[in-house]
């Protein structure tokens, strides 16, 4: 069983499906064959909910979140749902717990499993694929995404329990420190000597600019931290948010940069960016300093993706994505450093 992680993704998913089916007993569900929706970090399944209907069952990767961190995520999601944000809400086991520690002969060790309410919207899109949204609808859609992000931040800032949550932090150390959350991006083997030098330069420049930008309750708090197209769903005029696995403490502008990062090649990107910020500022103010910091947070977001493929370089997904990530991030970094050089003259 120790060689589970050496298996290919399909075989791992098949064994985790067995675990998921067995874990359903904790919710009093029987006779349900879990349907795999996604297996990248966690394994997510469509299952039958207690009492009927559909639910999402997540089998969490081992070692990413402590029990306290996972419970904090679910507590926050529940608060957001109660506050009117369209986000999944935990469904408790028959014992009244939000998380079940599952074991199975099919996989090694213990796996945390939770069940979430089902959201029936459709994904905004997929990373690397053009958006399937009519140009005339872009402003409306991204305006609502901006408003939803602002409402999430407003609800969280006003929540007395925010600072009692145990989550990782997308702060200076988590983004640029010696041991970043998603890995030591400057050590990515795919970087050429010139690219590695560029990455080190941008790391130092970004750290300086991030300190100058500063941190306060107005610009920093619990954020979703992964509002990529796959995690934003549309149900009519409603925006739904899923996959809070990477949620933690971070800058609100990092949130917005994440929402924009994979859309930069869209032909109507200017419309998307403008609508996102217009919608956001209808619900929560942004200063000119915040808006001017967008290129910085785009750089920071890009560097995390280099770290992500670096720590997963033996996976098929990372091998496929690494050339694209390197190209995009190095271009953004080069443009950022050029802009700094021009303004410092």
Foldseek 3Di string as FASTA:
>chain_A
DVCLVVDAPVLNLVLVQVQVQVVCVQQVDHPWRWAFDDDDQWTWTWTAHVVGDIKIKTWGHPPLDDPLQVVLLQVLQQLCVVLVAQEWHWDAGPVRHQWDFIDDPSDDDTIIMTITHDDDFAFQDDFPDAGPDPPVCLLLQLLQVLLSQLSSLVSLLPDPCFVVRDHDAPALCCQQNPAHSLADLLPQPPADPVLSVLVVVLSVVLSVVRVVLDDDSQFKGWGLLALDRRQWGDDPSHIHGYDSPRIDIYTSLLRVLNHLLSVPPHPVSVSSSVSSVVSNCVRGNDDVSSVVCNLSSSLSVLSSVSSNLRVVVVHPVSVVCVVVSSVSNSVSSVVVVVVVVVVVD
